[in-house]
Amino acid sequence: MTTSLYPPVSLYTESSPNPNSMKFVVNFPLAPEGLSFDYADASEAIATGKSSPLVVALFGFDFVKRVFIASNFVTVTKDDETEWEEVLFELKHFVRAYFSDQKPVFAQQTVDANTTKVEADSPTVQKIKAVLDQYIRPAVESDGGAISFHSFNEEDGTVKVLLQGSCSGCPSSTLTLKAGIENLLTRLVPDVKQVEAEGV
């Protein structure tokens, strides 16, 4: 008798601020808590530390240009030429069937490699991460993206964050970064003077 990876699949889609990105939300966790995985092409999905059979399969659709996995959702970014109306039904059916067939999201070594990293953070970095986790990440995830801490420069007070998923290449992500994220962090963490994005 084999054990099930997932319960019966409940799946729905949500549009995001990036018109080329669609969020596929399921009723169970896909990535270990607090972790996210961004793939710009299929070769990244077979790389050590990021290996994902699901992502390899999604890049089998020629209109798929980027795949992002976090929490309980997969964000798929399509090319400019394809309309969602043409492909959404097929893609949704594929994702539902993939999980119904109990296929894995990640290769086991990916999960192992990404759940054993532990680093000691300075008090300021701990505060920055707490603000990101409590106030900012839930809002960004609701739009099909993710934000993670990249680095903090103690000398000039610059926080660098990594924007992924639908945030990557989204026209409104820079506005969100400055108007929302920077305002909140500079207010709640006095050592922070500005916020910049990596990977946008």
Protein backbone atom coordinates (compact mmCIF):
# COMPACT_ATOMS: atom_id res chain seq x y z
CA MET A 1 0.00 0.00 0.00
CA THR A 2 1.42 3.38 -1.01
CA THR A 3 0.93 6.49 1.12
CA SER A 4 -0.66 9.50 -0.54
CA LEU A 5 1.42 12.63 -0.96
CA TYR A 6 -1.69 14.80 -1.21
CA PRO A 7 -5.34 14.74 -0.13
CA PRO A 8 -8.10 14.90 -2.80
CA VAL A 9 -7.17 17.90 -4.91
CA SER A 10 -9.02 21.18 -4.63
CA LEU A 11 -7.66 23.66 -7.17
CA TYR A 12 -8.56 27.19 -8.17
CA THR A 13 -6.87 29.93 -10.15
CA GLU A 14 -6.29 33.59 -9.32
CA SER A 15 -5.11 36.32 -11.63
CA SER A 16 -2.25 38.53 -10.45
CA PRO A 17 -1.17 42.15 -11.02
CA ASN A 18 1.12 40.81 -13.74
CA PRO A 19 -1.27 40.04 -16.64
CA ASN A 20 1.01 37.26 -17.91
CA SER A 21 1.04 35.41 -14.57
CA MET A 22 -1.64 33.11 -13.20
CA LYS A 23 -1.70 31.62 -9.73
CA PHE A 24 -2.77 27.97 -9.29
CA VAL A 25 -3.77 27.42 -5.66
CA VAL A 26 -4.23 24.00 -4.05
CA ASN A 27 -5.45 22.82 -0.65
CA PHE A 28 -2.11 21.49 0.64
CA PRO A 29 1.45 22.82 1.04
CA LEU A 30 3.78 22.52 -1.96
CA ALA A 31 6.97 24.05 -0.58
CA PRO A 32 8.48 23.85 2.92
CA GLU A 33 7.28 26.76 5.07
CA GLY A 34 9.05 30.04 4.36
CA LEU A 35 10.75 28.74 1.22
CA SER A 36 10.08 29.59 -2.41
CA PHE A 37 11.51 28.42 -5.71
CA ASP A 38 11.75 30.47 -8.91
CA TYR A 39 12.52 28.96 -12.32
CA ALA A 40 13.30 31.02 -15.42
CA ASP A 41 13.74 27.94 -17.63
CA ALA A 42 13.59 24.14 -17.59
CA SER A 43 17.34 23.74 -17.01
CA GLU A 44 16.96 25.32 -13.56
CA ALA A 45 14.36 22.66 -12.71
CA ILE A 46 16.95 19.89 -13.09
CA ALA A 47 19.70 21.76 -11.24
CA THR A 48 21.01 20.44 -7.94
CA GLY A 49 19.18 22.11 -5.06
CA LYS A 50 16.18 23.16 -7.18
CA SER A 51 15.23 19.93 -8.94
CA SER A 52 11.48 19.77 -9.63
CA PRO A 53 9.68 17.21 -11.82
CA LEU A 54 6.56 19.42 -11.74
CA VAL A 55 8.43 22.42 -13.16
CA VAL A 56 10.08 20.31 -15.87
CA ALA A 57 6.61 19.13 -16.88
CA LEU A 58 5.18 22.68 -16.91
CA PHE A 59 7.97 23.91 -19.18
CA GLY A 60 6.77 21.23 -21.62
CA PHE A 61 4.08 23.77 -22.56
CA ASP A 62 5.76 26.05 -25.10
CA PHE A 63 3.96 29.18 -23.83
CA VAL A 64 5.33 28.80 -20.26
CA LYS A 65 8.16 31.28 -19.62
CA ARG A 66 8.55 31.14 -15.83
CA VAL A 67 7.37 28.99 -12.93
CA PHE A 68 7.34 29.94 -9.27
CA ILE A 69 6.40 27.71 -6.30
CA ALA A 70 5.72 28.84 -2.72
CA SER A 71 3.41 27.94 0.12
CA ASN A 72 0.36 26.25 -1.47
CA PHE A 73 0.50 27.71 -4.97
CA VAL A 74 2.27 27.59 -8.32
CA THR A 75 2.52 30.81 -10.35
CA VAL A 76 2.89 30.25 -14.09
CA THR A 77 4.02 33.13 -16.31
CA LYS A 78 3.18 32.82 -20.01
CA ASP A 79 4.56 34.53 -23.10
CA ASP A 80 3.06 37.76 -24.46
CA GLU A 81 1.57 36.10 -27.55
CA THR A 82 -0.64 33.55 -25.79
CA GLU A 83 -3.99 34.53 -24.24
CA TRP A 84 -5.03 32.89 -20.97
CA GLU A 85 -8.43 32.06 -22.48
CA GLU A 86 -6.66 29.77 -24.98
CA VAL A 87 -4.64 27.73 -22.48
CA LEU A 88 -6.04 28.09 -18.96
CA PHE A 89 -8.44 25.14 -19.09
CA GLU A 90 -5.73 22.79 -20.39
CA LEU A 91 -3.16 23.99 -17.86
CA LYS A 92 -5.57 23.76 -14.94
CA HIS A 93 -6.52 20.22 -16.00
CA PHE A 94 -2.84 19.29 -16.23
CA VAL A 95 -2.01 20.63 -12.73
CA ARG A 96 -5.02 18.88 -11.18
CA ALA A 97 -4.11 15.57 -12.87
CA TYR A 98 -0.46 15.90 -11.81
CA PHE A 99 -1.38 16.11 -8.12
CA SER A 100 -4.21 13.58 -8.42
CA ASP A 101 -1.60 11.12 -9.75
CA GLN A 102 0.42 11.76 -6.55
CA LYS A 103 3.50 12.97 -8.45
CA PRO A 104 6.14 14.90 -6.43
CA VAL A 105 6.69 18.65 -6.66
CA PHE A 106 10.39 18.40 -5.83
CA ALA A 107 13.09 15.76 -5.90
CA GLN A 108 13.86 14.72 -2.31
CA GLN A 109 17.37 16.22 -2.39
CA THR A 110 15.85 19.66 -3.12
CA VAL A 111 13.77 19.55 0.07
CA ASP A 112 16.72 18.25 2.10
CA ALA A 113 19.13 20.88 0.77
CA ASN A 114 16.77 23.77 1.44
CA THR A 115 15.59 22.86 4.92
CA THR A 116 19.01 22.51 6.56
CA LYS A 117 20.33 26.05 6.07
CA VAL A 118 20.66 27.92 9.36
CA GLU A 119 22.38 31.27 9.72
CA ALA A 120 22.80 33.60 12.69
CA ASP A 121 21.20 36.98 11.97
CA SER A 122 21.96 40.33 13.56
CA PRO A 123 19.15 41.90 15.64
CA THR A 124 18.37 44.36 12.81
CA VAL A 125 18.15 41.57 10.23
CA GLN A 126 15.87 39.61 12.58
CA LYS A 127 13.55 42.64 12.77
CA ILE A 128 13.60 43.07 8.97
CA LYS A 129 12.73 39.41 8.42
CA ALA A 130 9.94 39.60 11.02
CA VAL A 131 8.35 42.58 9.24
CA LEU A 132 8.65 40.82 5.87
CA ASP A 133 7.07 37.64 7.27
CA GLN A 134 4.25 39.28 9.22
CA TYR A 135 3.18 42.22 7.10
CA ILE A 136 4.56 41.97 3.58
CA ARG A 137 4.82 38.32 2.52
CA PRO A 138 1.07 37.50 2.94
CA ALA A 139 0.11 40.42 0.65
CA VAL A 140 2.71 39.55 -1.98
CA GLU A 141 1.75 35.86 -1.90
CA SER A 142 -1.92 36.77 -2.40
CA ASP A 143 -0.84 38.29 -5.73
CA GLY A 144 0.99 35.11 -6.77
CA GLY A 145 4.48 36.29 -5.94
CA ALA A 146 6.95 36.10 -3.12
CA ILE A 147 9.40 38.33 -1.36
CA SER A 148 12.44 37.16 0.54
CA PHE A 149 15.26 38.86 2.39
CA HIS A 150 18.47 39.11 0.35
CA SER A 151 20.89 41.30 2.32
CA PHE A 152 21.26 44.32 4.59
CA ASN A 153 24.05 46.90 4.38
CA GLU A 154 24.62 48.23 7.91
CA GLU A 155 26.61 51.23 6.63
CA ASP A 156 24.02 52.85 4.36
CA GLY A 157 20.85 51.16 5.68
CA THR A 158 19.96 49.49 2.37
CA VAL A 159 17.84 46.36 2.45
CA LYS A 160 17.87 44.21 -0.67
CA VAL A 161 14.91 41.90 -1.22
CA LEU A 162 14.26 39.26 -3.83
CA LEU A 163 10.95 39.55 -5.70
CA GLN A 164 9.80 36.36 -7.39
CA GLY A 165 6.82 34.76 -9.08
CA SER A 166 4.34 37.19 -10.61
CA CYS A 167 6.34 40.10 -9.11
CA SER A 168 9.23 39.36 -11.45
CA GLY A 169 8.74 41.56 -14.49
CA CYS A 170 5.46 42.99 -13.22
CA PRO A 171 4.97 46.68 -14.14
CA SER A 172 3.60 47.54 -10.68
CA SER A 173 6.31 45.77 -8.65
CA THR A 174 8.60 48.83 -8.46
CA LEU A 175 5.73 50.98 -7.23
CA THR A 176 4.79 48.33 -4.66
CA LEU A 177 8.40 48.15 -3.53
CA LYS A 178 8.80 51.89 -2.93
CA ALA A 179 5.29 52.90 -1.86
CA GLY A 180 4.52 49.90 0.32
CA ILE A 181 7.53 47.83 1.36
CA GLU A 182 10.06 50.64 1.80
CA ASN A 183 7.60 52.82 3.74
CA LEU A 184 6.74 50.00 6.12
CA LEU A 185 10.31 48.84 6.73
CA THR A 186 11.74 52.33 7.29
CA ARG A 187 8.92 53.04 9.74
CA LEU A 188 9.18 49.79 11.72
CA VAL A 189 12.96 49.28 11.57
CA PRO A 190 14.72 52.65 12.12
CA ASP A 191 18.09 51.35 10.84
CA VAL A 192 16.56 50.81 7.38
CA LYS A 193 16.92 53.80 5.04
CA GLN A 194 15.94 52.34 1.67
CA VAL A 195 14.82 49.13 0.00
CA GLU A 196 16.01 47.79 -3.34
CA ALA A 197 14.91 44.75 -5.32
CA GLU A 198 17.14 42.04 -6.71
CA GLY A 199 15.99 40.07 -9.74
CA VAL A 200 13.26 42.41 -11.02
